[in-house]
């Protein structure tokens, strides 16, 4: 009687070294894809728009519009006759 050593199971027909190499290559490709997306295609974040904030205080609100042409409000509302 001859003893046979059990055959190693091969995953996807690849040996252990080849499987490890495949996993490393896939990991590098996924990392490169993520890095490329973040650097080239991702939408700009809120950090790109610099916001200026001020403490709240009471007073008159003054806005100046300087342009040629006509100024027209986006929305209008009717005020009751008793408003002054």
PDB file of N, CA and C in Angstrom:
ATOM      1  N   UNK A   1       0.841  -1.167   0.000  1.00  0.00           N
ATOM      2  CA  UNK A   1       0.000   0.000   0.000  1.00  0.00           C
ATOM      3  C   UNK A   1       0.889   1.235   0.000  1.00  0.00           C
ATOM      4  N   UNK A   2       0.630   2.122  -0.899  1.00  0.00           N
ATOM      5  CA  UNK A   2       1.402   3.362  -0.966  1.00  0.00           C
ATOM      6  C   UNK A   2       0.574   4.485  -0.388  1.00  0.00           C
ATOM      7  N   UNK A   3       1.230   5.320   0.348  1.00  0.00           N
ATOM      8  CA  UNK A   3       0.483   6.452   0.924  1.00  0.00           C
ATOM      9  C   UNK A   3       0.619   7.658   0.010  1.00  0.00           C
ATOM     10  N   UNK A   4      -0.460   8.242  -0.242  1.00  0.00           N
ATOM     11  CA  UNK A   4      -0.456   9.440  -1.093  1.00  0.00           C
ATOM     12  C   UNK A   4      -0.667  10.648  -0.204  1.00  0.00           C
ATOM     13  N   UNK A   5       0.068  11.674  -0.500  1.00  0.00           N
ATOM     14  CA  UNK A   5      -0.187  12.912   0.237  1.00  0.00           C
ATOM     15  C   UNK A   5      -1.394  13.582  -0.395  1.00  0.00           C
ATOM     16  N   UNK A   6      -2.263  14.172   0.435  1.00  0.00           N
ATOM     17  CA  UNK A   6      -3.454  14.802  -0.138  1.00  0.00           C
ATOM     18  C   UNK A   6      -3.068  15.986  -1.017  1.00  0.00           C
ATOM     19  N   UNK A   7      -3.800  16.129  -2.110  1.00  0.00           N
ATOM     20  CA  UNK A   7      -3.537  17.255  -3.014  1.00  0.00           C
ATOM     21  C   UNK A   7      -3.979  18.553  -2.361  1.00  0.00           C
ATOM     22  N   UNK A   8      -3.193  19.571  -2.555  1.00  0.00           N
ATOM     23  CA  UNK A   8      -3.583  20.884  -2.049  1.00  0.00           C
ATOM     24  C   UNK A   8      -4.674  21.427  -2.941  1.00  0.00           C
ATOM     25  N   UNK A   9      -5.668  22.012  -2.333  1.00  0.00           N
ATOM     26  CA  UNK A   9      -6.740  22.611  -3.121  1.00  0.00           C
ATOM     27  C   UNK A   9      -6.230  23.907  -3.718  1.00  0.00           C
ATOM     28  N   UNK A  10      -6.538  24.121  -4.948  1.00  0.00           N
ATOM     29  CA  UNK A  10      -6.112  25.349  -5.616  1.00  0.00           C
ATOM     30  C   UNK A  10      -7.328  26.230  -5.798  1.00  0.00           C
ATOM     31  N   UNK A  11      -7.191  27.449  -5.381  1.00  0.00           N
ATOM     32  CA  UNK A  11      -8.277  28.417  -5.496  1.00  0.00           C
ATOM     33  C   UNK A  11      -8.146  29.114  -6.845  1.00  0.00           C
ATOM     34  N   UNK A  12      -9.168  29.050  -7.643  1.00  0.00           N
ATOM     35  CA  UNK A  12      -9.193  29.636  -8.995  1.00  0.00           C
ATOM     36  C   UNK A  12      -8.076  29.074  -9.868  1.00  0.00           C
ATOM     37  N   UNK A  13      -7.607  27.902  -9.551  1.00  0.00           N
ATOM     38  CA  UNK A  13      -6.557  27.283 -10.353  1.00  0.00           C
ATOM     39  C   UNK A  13      -5.200  27.922 -10.156  1.00  0.00           C
ATOM     40  N   UNK A  14      -5.016  28.682  -9.091  1.00  0.00           N
ATOM     41  CA  UNK A  14      -3.754  29.363  -8.831  1.00  0.00           C
ATOM     42  C   UNK A  14      -3.083  28.763  -7.607  1.00  0.00           C
ATOM     43  N   UNK A  15      -1.778  28.734  -7.657  1.00  0.00           N
ATOM     44  CA  UNK A  15      -1.018  28.288  -6.500  1.00  0.00           C
ATOM     45  C   UNK A  15      -1.002  29.370  -5.432  1.00  0.00           C
ATOM     46  N   UNK A  16      -0.494  29.071  -4.238  1.00  0.00           N
ATOM     47  CA  UNK A  16      -0.507  30.053  -3.155  1.00  0.00           C
ATOM     48  C   UNK A  16       0.284  31.325  -3.476  1.00  0.00           C
ATOM     49  N   UNK A  17       1.410  31.188  -4.126  1.00  0.00           N
ATOM     50  CA  UNK A  17       2.215  32.364  -4.485  1.00  0.00           C
ATOM     51  C   UNK A  17       1.531  33.229  -5.528  1.00  0.00           C
ATOM     52  N   UNK A  18       0.914  32.583  -6.502  1.00  0.00           N
ATOM     53  CA  UNK A  18       0.213  33.321  -7.554  1.00  0.00           C
ATOM     54  C   UNK A  18      -1.018  34.023  -6.991  1.00  0.00           C
ATOM     55  N   UNK A  19      -1.718  33.369  -6.066  1.00  0.00           N
ATOM     56  CA  UNK A  19      -2.897  33.966  -5.456  1.00  0.00           C
ATOM     57  C   UNK A  19      -2.508  35.197  -4.639  1.00  0.00           C
ATOM     58  N   UNK A  20      -1.413  35.101  -3.904  1.00  0.00           N
ATOM     59  CA  UNK A  20      -0.937  36.247  -3.128  1.00  0.00           C
ATOM     60  C   UNK A  20      -0.560  37.401  -4.056  1.00  0.00           C
ATOM     61  N   UNK A  21       0.121  37.103  -5.139  1.00  0.00           N
ATOM     62  CA  UNK A  21       0.491  38.141  -6.107  1.00  0.00           C
ATOM     63  C   UNK A  21      -0.746  38.794  -6.705  1.00  0.00           C
ATOM     64  N   UNK A  22      -1.768  38.004  -7.022  1.00  0.00           N
ATOM     65  CA  UNK A  22      -3.011  38.541  -7.570  1.00  0.00           C
ATOM     66  C   UNK A  22      -3.675  39.482  -6.570  1.00  0.00           C
ATOM     67  N   UNK A  23      -3.710  39.089  -5.303  1.00  0.00           N
ATOM     68  CA  UNK A  23      -4.312  39.945  -4.276  1.00  0.00           C
ATOM     69  C   UNK A  23      -3.536  41.254  -4.105  1.00  0.00           C
ATOM     70  N   UNK A  24      -2.233  41.199  -4.170  1.00  0.00           N
ATOM     71  CA  UNK A  24      -1.418  42.420  -4.058  1.00  0.00           C
ATOM     72  C   UNK A  24      -1.676  43.333  -5.248  1.00  0.00           C
ATOM     73  N   UNK A  25      -1.723  42.772  -6.443  1.00  0.00           N
ATOM     74  CA  UNK A  25      -1.964  43.581  -7.645  1.00  0.00           C
ATOM     75  C   UNK A  25      -3.349  44.218  -7.585  1.00  0.00           C
ATOM     76  N   UNK A  26      -4.353  43.459  -7.160  1.00  0.00           N
ATOM     77  CA  UNK A  26      -5.702  44.014  -7.047  1.00  0.00           C
ATOM     78  C   UNK A  26      -5.756  45.109  -5.977  1.00  0.00           C
ATOM     79  N   UNK A  27      -5.056  44.938  -4.877  1.00  0.00           N
ATOM     80  CA  UNK A  27      -5.022  45.957  -3.833  1.00  0.00           C
ATOM     81  C   UNK A  27      -4.365  47.242  -4.318  1.00  0.00           C
ATOM     82  N   UNK A  28      -3.255  47.115  -5.043  1.00  0.00           N
ATOM     83  CA  UNK A  28      -2.580  48.305  -5.581  1.00  0.00           C
ATOM     84  C   UNK A  28      -3.466  48.997  -6.608  1.00  0.00           C
ATOM     85  N   UNK A  29      -4.154  48.231  -7.447  1.00  0.00           N
ATOM     86  CA  UNK A  29      -5.047  48.831  -8.444  1.00  0.00           C
ATOM     87  C   UNK A  29      -6.205  49.551  -7.766  1.00  0.00           C
ATOM     88  N   UNK A  30      -6.776  48.954  -6.721  1.00  0.00           N
ATOM     89  CA  UNK A  30      -7.876  49.609  -6.005  1.00  0.00           C
ATOM     90  C   UNK A  30      -7.389  50.882  -5.311  1.00  0.00           C
ATOM     91  N   UNK A  31      -6.229  50.827  -4.692  1.00  0.00           N
ATOM     92  CA  UNK A  31      -5.673  52.018  -4.043  1.00  0.00           C
ATOM     93  C   UNK A  31      -5.368  53.121  -5.046  1.00  0.00           C
ATOM     94  N   UNK A  32      -4.816  52.762  -6.195  1.00  0.00           N
ATOM     95  CA  UNK A  32      -4.538  53.746  -7.238  1.00  0.00           C
ATOM     96  C   UNK A  32      -5.809  54.350  -7.801  1.00  0.00           C
ATOM     97  N   UNK A  33      -6.834  53.538  -7.957  1.00  0.00           N
ATOM     98  CA  UNK A  33      -8.114  54.056  -8.444  1.00  0.00           C
ATOM     99  C   UNK A  33      -8.739  55.024  -7.466  1.00  0.00           C
ATOM    100  N   UNK A  34      -8.687  54.699  -6.184  1.00  0.00           N
ATOM    101  CA  UNK A  34      -9.239  55.592  -5.155  1.00  0.00           C
ATOM    102  C   UNK A  34      -8.459  56.911  -5.113  1.00  0.00           C
ATOM    103  N   UNK A  35      -7.142  56.830  -5.157  1.00  0.00           N
ATOM    104  CA  UNK A  35      -6.309  58.033  -5.135  1.00  0.00           C
ATOM    105  C   UNK A  35      -6.589  58.904  -6.367  1.00  0.00           C
ATOM    106  N   UNK A  36      -6.681  58.284  -7.529  1.00  0.00           N
ATOM    107  CA  UNK A  36      -6.962  59.034  -8.751  1.00  0.00           C
ATOM    108  C   UNK A  36      -8.321  59.701  -8.709  1.00  0.00           C
ATOM    109  N   UNK A  37      -9.317  59.010  -8.178  1.00  0.00           N
ATOM    110  CA  UNK A  37     -10.649  59.598  -8.065  1.00  0.00           C
ATOM    111  C   UNK A  37     -10.629  60.802  -7.130  1.00  0.00           C
ATOM    112  N   UNK A  38      -9.972  60.668  -5.991  1.00  0.00           N
ATOM    113  CA  UNK A  38      -9.928  61.759  -5.030  1.00  0.00           C
ATOM    114  C   UNK A  38      -9.184  62.967  -5.587  1.00  0.00           C
ATOM    115  N   UNK A  39      -8.123  62.745  -6.337  1.00  0.00           N
ATOM    116  CA  UNK A  39      -7.315  63.854  -6.850  1.00  0.00           C
ATOM    117  C   UNK A  39      -7.909  64.497  -8.102  1.00  0.00           C
ATOM    118  N   UNK A  40      -8.547  63.707  -8.952  1.00  0.00           N
ATOM    119  CA  UNK A  40      -8.944  64.218 -10.256  1.00  0.00           C
ATOM    120  C   UNK A  40     -10.446  64.401 -10.444  1.00  0.00           C
ATOM    121  N   UNK A  41     -11.265  63.523  -9.885  1.00  0.00           N
ATOM    122  CA  UNK A  41     -12.676  63.532 -10.227  1.00  0.00           C
ATOM    123  C   UNK A  41     -13.606  63.903  -9.090  1.00  0.00           C
ATOM    124  N   UNK A  42     -13.160  63.855  -7.857  1.00  0.00           N
ATOM    125  CA  UNK A  42     -14.056  64.120  -6.730  1.00  0.00           C
ATOM    126  C   UNK A  42     -14.488  65.581  -6.747  1.00  0.00           C
ATOM    127  N   UNK A  43     -15.744  65.844  -6.402  1.00  0.00           N
ATOM    128  CA  UNK A  43     -16.202  67.234  -6.357  1.00  0.00           C
ATOM    129  C   UNK A  43     -15.476  68.010  -5.268  1.00  0.00           C
ATOM    130  N   UNK A  44     -15.363  69.296  -5.488  1.00  0.00           N
ATOM    131  CA  UNK A  44     -14.684  70.146  -4.512  1.00  0.00           C
ATOM    132  C   UNK A  44     -15.449  70.114  -3.195  1.00  0.00           C
ATOM    133  N   UNK A  45     -14.744  70.153  -2.131  1.00  0.00           N
ATOM    134  CA  UNK A  45     -15.377  70.124  -0.814  1.00  0.00           C
ATOM    135  C   UNK A  45     -15.627  71.545  -0.325  1.00  0.00           C
ATOM    136  N   UNK A  46     -16.267  71.654   0.804  1.00  0.00           N
ATOM    137  CA  UNK A  46     -16.612  72.961   1.369  1.00  0.00           C
ATOM    138  C   UNK A  46     -15.371  73.738   1.781  1.00  0.00           C
ATOM    139  N   UNK A  47     -14.239  73.082   1.916  1.00  0.00           N
ATOM    140  CA  UNK A  47     -13.032  73.804   2.309  1.00  0.00           C
ATOM    141  C   UNK A  47     -12.560  74.741   1.202  1.00  0.00           C
ATOM    142  N   UNK A  48     -12.963  74.462  -0.040  1.00  0.00           N
ATOM    143  CA  UNK A  48     -12.555  75.321  -1.148  1.00  0.00           C
ATOM    144  C   UNK A  48     -13.242  76.684  -1.059  1.00  0.00           C
ATOM    145  N   UNK A  49     -14.458  76.724  -0.549  1.00  0.00           N
ATOM    146  CA  UNK A  49     -15.183  77.982  -0.398  1.00  0.00           C
ATOM    147  C   UNK A  49     -14.876  78.543   0.979  1.00  0.00           C
ATOM    148  N   UNK A  50     -14.190  79.635   1.016  1.00  0.00           N
ATOM    149  CA  UNK A  50     -13.822  80.234   2.294  1.00  0.00           C
ATOM    150  C   UNK A  50     -14.961  81.136   2.746  1.00  0.00           C
ATOM    151  N   UNK A  51     -15.483  80.849   3.900  1.00  0.00           N
ATOM    152  CA  UNK A  51     -16.606  81.604   4.431  1.00  0.00           C
ATOM    153  C   UNK A  51     -16.109  82.608   5.455  1.00  0.00           C
ATOM    154  N   UNK A  52     -16.707  83.784   5.425  1.00  0.00           N
ATOM    155  CA  UNK A  52     -16.396  84.818   6.387  1.00  0.00           C
ATOM    156  C   UNK A  52     -17.549  84.921   7.366  1.00  0.00           C
ATOM    157  N   UNK A  53     -17.274  84.831   8.638  1.00  0.00           N
ATOM    158  CA  UNK A  53     -18.330  84.938   9.631  1.00  0.00           C
ATOM    159  C   UNK A  53     -18.076  86.153  10.513  1.00  0.00           C
ATOM    160  N   UNK A  54     -19.150  86.702  11.028  1.00  0.00           N
ATOM    161  CA  UNK A  54     -19.097  87.855  11.926  1.00  0.00           C
ATOM    162  C   UNK A  54     -20.022  87.581  13.091  1.00  0.00           C
ATOM    163  N   UNK A  55     -19.727  88.152  14.256  1.00  0.00           N
ATOM    164  CA  UNK A  55     -20.672  88.019  15.364  1.00  0.00           C
ATOM    165  C   UNK A  55     -21.977  88.750  15.034  1.00  0.00           C
ATOM    166  N   UNK A  56     -23.080  88.252  15.576  1.00  0.00           N
ATOM    167  CA  UNK A  56     -24.385  88.850  15.328  1.00  0.00           C
ATOM    168  C   UNK A  56     -24.504  90.133  16.134  1.00  0.00           C
ATOM    169  N   UNK A  57     -25.036  91.173  15.498  1.00  0.00           N
ATOM    170  CA  UNK A  57     -25.289  92.433  16.208  1.00  0.00           C
ATOM    171  C   UNK A  57     -26.509  93.091  15.592  1.00  0.00           C
ATOM    172  N   UNK A  58     -27.180  93.904  16.377  1.00  0.00           N
ATOM    173  CA  UNK A  58     -28.372  94.590  15.894  1.00  0.00           C
ATOM    174  C   UNK A  58     -27.959  95.859  15.152  1.00  0.00           C
ATOM    175  N   UNK A  59     -28.757  96.191  14.154  1.00  0.00           N
ATOM    176  CA  UNK A  59     -28.486  97.405  13.403  1.00  0.00           C
ATOM    177  C   UNK A  59     -29.223  97.361  12.075  1.00  0.00           C
ATOM    178  N   UNK A  60     -29.024  98.366  11.283  1.00  0.00           N
ATOM    179  CA  UNK A  60     -29.646  98.434   9.970  1.00  0.00           C
ATOM    180  C   UNK A  60     -28.875  97.549   8.996  1.00  0.00           C
ATOM    181  N   UNK A  61     -29.618  96.932   8.128  1.00  0.00           N
ATOM    182  CA  UNK A  61     -29.010  96.104   7.094  1.00  0.00           C
ATOM    183  C   UNK A  61     -28.830  96.974   5.851  1.00  0.00           C
ATOM    184  N   UNK A  62     -27.605  97.069   5.387  1.00  0.00           N
ATOM    185  CA  UNK A  62     -27.313  97.903   4.235  1.00  0.00           C
ATOM    186  C   UNK A  62     -26.695  97.017   3.159  1.00  0.00           C
ATOM    187  N   UNK A  63     -27.287  97.059   1.968  1.00  0.00           N
ATOM    188  CA  UNK A  63     -26.742  96.309   0.841  1.00  0.00           C
ATOM    189  C   UNK A  63     -26.631  97.253  -0.349  1.00  0.00           C
ATOM    190  N   UNK A  64     -25.555  97.157  -1.071  1.00  0.00           N
ATOM    191  CA  UNK A  64     -25.335  98.011  -2.229  1.00  0.00           C
ATOM    192  C   UNK A  64     -25.232  97.137  -3.467  1.00  0.00           C
ATOM    193  N   UNK A  65     -25.955  97.530  -4.501  1.00  0.00           N
ATOM    194  CA  UNK A  65     -25.896  96.821  -5.772  1.00  0.00           C
ATOM    195  C   UNK A  65     -25.347  97.795  -6.795  1.00  0.00           C
ATOM    196  N   UNK A  66     -24.301  97.387  -7.448  1.00  0.00           N
ATOM    197  CA  UNK A  66     -23.704  98.250  -8.464  1.00  0.00           C
ATOM    198  C   UNK A  66     -23.626  97.456  -9.763  1.00  0.00           C
ATOM    199  N   UNK A  67     -24.414  97.907 -10.742  1.00  0.00           N
ATOM    200  CA  UNK A  67     -24.450  97.192 -12.007  1.00  0.00           C
ATOM    201  C   UNK A  67     -25.142  98.049 -13.049  1.00  0.00           C
ATOM    202  N   UNK A  68     -25.047  97.638 -14.278  1.00  0.00           N
ATOM    203  CA  UNK A  68     -25.822  98.293 -15.325  1.00  0.00           C
ATOM    204  C   UNK A  68     -27.034  97.425 -15.607  1.00  0.00           C
ATOM    205  N   UNK A  69     -28.111  98.010 -16.023  1.00  0.00           N
ATOM    206  CA  UNK A  69     -29.324  97.259 -16.315  1.00  0.00           C
ATOM    207  C   UNK A  69     -30.330  97.431 -15.202  1.00  0.00           C
ATOM    208  N   UNK A  70     -31.273  96.516 -15.127  1.00  0.00           N
ATOM    209  CA  UNK A  70     -32.324  96.616 -14.117  1.00  0.00           C
ATOM    210  C   UNK A  70     -32.102  95.572 -13.033  1.00  0.00           C
ATOM    211  N   UNK A  71     -32.534  95.923 -11.832  1.00  0.00           N
ATOM    212  CA  UNK A  71     -32.461  95.006 -10.701  1.00  0.00           C
ATOM    213  C   UNK A  71     -33.867  94.505 -10.458  1.00  0.00           C
ATOM    214  N   UNK A  72     -34.026  93.188 -10.381  1.00  0.00           N
ATOM    215  CA  UNK A  72     -35.339  92.607 -10.205  1.00  0.00           C
ATOM    216  C   UNK A  72     -35.236  91.513  -9.138  1.00  0.00           C
ATOM    217  N   UNK A  73     -36.213  91.526  -8.209  1.00  0.00           N
ATOM    218  CA  UNK A  73     -36.226  90.530  -7.147  1.00  0.00           C
ATOM    219  C   UNK A  73     -36.622  89.164  -7.699  1.00  0.00           C
ATOM    220  N   UNK A  74     -36.094  88.105  -7.088  1.00  0.00           N
ATOM    221  CA  UNK A  74     -36.465  86.741  -7.490  1.00  0.00           C
ATOM    222  C   UNK A  74     -37.897  86.444  -7.088  1.00  0.00           C
ATOM    223  N   UNK A  75     -38.283  86.876  -5.890  1.00  0.00           N
ATOM    224  CA  UNK A  75     -39.652  86.658  -5.420  1.00  0.00           C
ATOM    225  C   UNK A  75     -40.169  87.967  -4.863  1.00  0.00           C
ATOM    226  N   UNK A  76     -41.465  88.174  -4.975  1.00  0.00           N
ATOM    227  CA  UNK A  76     -42.074  89.380  -4.429  1.00  0.00           C
ATOM    228  C   UNK A  76     -43.271  88.967  -3.566  1.00  0.00           C
ATOM    229  N   UNK A  77     -43.653  89.835  -2.650  1.00  0.00           N
ATOM    230  CA  UNK A  77     -44.806  89.577  -1.788  1.00  0.00           C
ATOM    231  C   UNK A  77     -45.600  90.859  -1.635  1.00  0.00           C
ATOM    232  N   UNK A  78     -46.898  90.701  -1.524  1.00  0.00           N
ATOM    233  CA  UNK A  78     -47.751  91.881  -1.293  1.00  0.00           C
ATOM    234  C   UNK A  78     -47.821  92.161   0.184  1.00  0.00           C
ATOM    235  N   UNK A  79     -47.643  93.412   0.529  1.00  0.00           N
ATOM    236  CA  UNK A  79     -47.749  93.834   1.918  1.00  0.00           C
ATOM    237  C   UNK A  79     -49.150  94.393   2.139  1.00  0.00           C
ATOM    238  N   UNK A  80     -49.748  94.137   3.289  1.00  0.00           N
ATOM    239  CA  UNK A  80     -51.070  94.725   3.558  1.00  0.00           C
ATOM    240  C   UNK A  80     -50.986  96.242   3.606  1.00  0.00           C
ATOM    241  N   UNK A  81     -52.093  96.888   3.367  1.00  0.00           N
ATOM    242  CA  UNK A  81     -52.120  98.345   3.322  1.00  0.00           C
ATOM    243  C   UNK A  81     -51.717  98.962   4.651  1.00  0.00           C
ATOM    244  N   UNK A  82     -51.844  98.238   5.754  1.00  0.00           N
ATOM    245  CA  UNK A  82     -51.512  98.812   7.055  1.00  0.00           C
ATOM    246  C   UNK A  82     -50.019  98.835   7.321  1.00  0.00           C
ATOM    247  N   UNK A  83     -49.215  98.224   6.491  1.00  0.00           N
ATOM    248  CA  UNK A  83     -47.761  98.260   6.681  1.00  0.00           C
ATOM    249  C   UNK A  83     -47.227  99.616   6.282  1.00  0.00           C
ATOM    250  N   UNK A  84     -46.273 100.067   7.020  1.00  0.00           N
ATOM    251  CA  UNK A  84     -45.660 101.342   6.639  1.00  0.00           C
ATOM    252  C   UNK A  84     -44.175 101.202   6.574  1.00  0.00           C
TER     253      UNK A  84
END
